[in-house]
Amino acid sequence: MSDIPAYARAAGLAKAHAEGRLDERLGFFAKPKLLIVDELG
């Protein structure tokens, strides 16, 4: 389980994109069978 705010994930993806590693980082989101993004609380 990972408890990181969505804005931090987005910032990490933006950084990976700038570094040419976006495909590698997107693979992280493809691994779990269930991905929940909860930003209500």
N, C-alpha and C. Protein backbone atom coordinates (compact mmCIF):
# COMPACT_ATOMS: atom_id res chain seq x y z
N MET A 1 0.85 -1.17 0.00
CA MET A 1 0.00 0.00 0.00
C MET A 1 0.89 1.23 0.00
N SER A 2 0.44 2.24 -0.69
CA SER A 2 1.19 3.48 -0.79
C SER A 2 0.24 4.64 -0.47
N ASP A 3 0.67 5.51 0.39
CA ASP A 3 -0.17 6.64 0.79
C ASP A 3 0.54 7.95 0.44
N ILE A 4 0.49 8.29 -0.84
CA ILE A 4 1.13 9.50 -1.34
C ILE A 4 0.06 10.34 -2.02
N PRO A 5 -0.02 11.64 -1.70
CA PRO A 5 -1.04 12.49 -2.32
C PRO A 5 -0.92 12.51 -3.85
N ALA A 6 -2.06 12.67 -4.51
CA ALA A 6 -2.09 12.67 -5.98
C ALA A 6 -1.20 13.77 -6.55
N TYR A 7 -1.15 14.93 -5.89
CA TYR A 7 -0.30 16.01 -6.42
C TYR A 7 1.17 15.61 -6.41
N ALA A 8 1.58 14.82 -5.42
CA ALA A 8 2.97 14.36 -5.37
C ALA A 8 3.23 13.34 -6.47
N ARG A 9 2.26 12.49 -6.74
CA ARG A 9 2.40 11.53 -7.84
C ARG A 9 2.51 12.28 -9.17
N ALA A 10 1.66 13.30 -9.36
CA ALA A 10 1.69 14.07 -10.60
C ALA A 10 3.03 14.78 -10.76
N ALA A 11 3.57 15.32 -9.68
CA ALA A 11 4.87 15.98 -9.73
C ALA A 11 5.96 14.98 -10.10
N GLY A 12 5.87 13.79 -9.56
CA GLY A 12 6.84 12.74 -9.88
C GLY A 12 6.77 12.34 -11.35
N LEU A 13 5.55 12.28 -11.89
CA LEU A 13 5.39 11.94 -13.31
C LEU A 13 5.93 13.06 -14.19
N ALA A 14 5.71 14.31 -13.79
CA ALA A 14 6.24 15.44 -14.56
C ALA A 14 7.77 15.41 -14.58
N LYS A 15 8.36 15.09 -13.44
CA LYS A 15 9.82 15.00 -13.35
C LYS A 15 10.34 13.86 -14.23
N ALA A 16 9.66 12.71 -14.16
CA ALA A 16 10.07 11.57 -14.98
C ALA A 16 9.97 11.91 -16.47
N HIS A 17 8.93 12.65 -16.84
CA HIS A 17 8.76 13.06 -18.24
C HIS A 17 9.93 13.95 -18.67
N ALA A 18 10.29 14.90 -17.82
CA ALA A 18 11.40 15.81 -18.12
C ALA A 18 12.72 15.06 -18.25
N GLU A 19 12.85 13.96 -17.52
CA GLU A 19 14.08 13.16 -17.54
C GLU A 19 14.04 12.04 -18.59
N GLY A 20 12.93 11.95 -19.34
CA GLY A 20 12.81 10.92 -20.37
C GLY A 20 12.53 9.53 -19.81
N ARG A 21 11.97 9.45 -18.61
CA ARG A 21 11.70 8.16 -17.96
C ARG A 21 10.21 7.94 -17.71
N LEU A 22 9.36 8.63 -18.44
CA LEU A 22 7.92 8.55 -18.16
C LEU A 22 7.37 7.13 -18.32
N ASP A 23 7.77 6.44 -19.38
CA ASP A 23 7.27 5.06 -19.58
C ASP A 23 7.62 4.17 -18.40
N GLU A 24 8.83 4.33 -17.90
CA GLU A 24 9.28 3.55 -16.74
C GLU A 24 8.41 3.83 -15.52
N ARG A 25 8.12 5.09 -15.25
CA ARG A 25 7.33 5.46 -14.08
C ARG A 25 5.86 5.05 -14.24
N LEU A 26 5.33 5.14 -15.45
CA LEU A 26 3.95 4.73 -15.67
C LEU A 26 3.76 3.24 -15.42
N GLY A 27 4.81 2.48 -15.58
CA GLY A 27 4.75 1.05 -15.29
C GLY A 27 4.38 0.78 -13.84
N PHE A 28 4.74 1.69 -12.96
CA PHE A 28 4.39 1.57 -11.54
C PHE A 28 2.88 1.48 -11.36
N PHE A 29 2.13 2.24 -12.14
CA PHE A 29 0.67 2.28 -12.01
C PHE A 29 0.00 1.09 -12.68
N ALA A 30 0.72 0.38 -13.52
CA ALA A 30 0.15 -0.78 -14.22
C ALA A 30 0.28 -2.06 -13.40
N LYS A 31 1.10 -2.07 -12.37
CA LYS A 31 1.34 -3.29 -11.58
C LYS A 31 0.18 -3.69 -10.67
N PRO A 32 -0.41 -2.77 -9.91
CA PRO A 32 -1.46 -3.21 -8.98
C PRO A 32 -2.72 -3.65 -9.72
N LYS A 33 -3.42 -4.61 -9.13
CA LYS A 33 -4.70 -5.04 -9.70
C LYS A 33 -5.79 -4.03 -9.39
N LEU A 34 -5.59 -3.25 -8.34
CA LEU A 34 -6.55 -2.22 -7.95
C LEU A 34 -5.78 -0.97 -7.58
N LEU A 35 -6.11 0.14 -8.23
CA LEU A 35 -5.46 1.42 -7.96
C LEU A 35 -6.54 2.41 -7.52
N ILE A 36 -6.43 2.90 -6.30
CA ILE A 36 -7.40 3.86 -5.77
C ILE A 36 -6.70 5.19 -5.58
N VAL A 37 -7.28 6.23 -6.15
CA VAL A 37 -6.77 7.59 -5.97
C VAL A 37 -7.83 8.33 -5.18
N ASP A 38 -7.55 8.60 -3.93
CA ASP A 38 -8.52 9.23 -3.03
C ASP A 38 -8.00 10.59 -2.60
N GLU A 39 -8.60 11.63 -3.07
CA GLU A 39 -8.20 12.99 -2.70
C GLU A 39 -9.36 13.74 -2.05
N LEU A 40 -10.30 13.03 -1.46
CA LEU A 40 -11.46 13.68 -0.85
C LEU A 40 -11.18 14.17 0.56
N GLY A 41 -10.23 13.57 1.23
CA GLY A 41 -10.02 13.93 2.62
C GLY A 41 -8.72 14.52 2.82
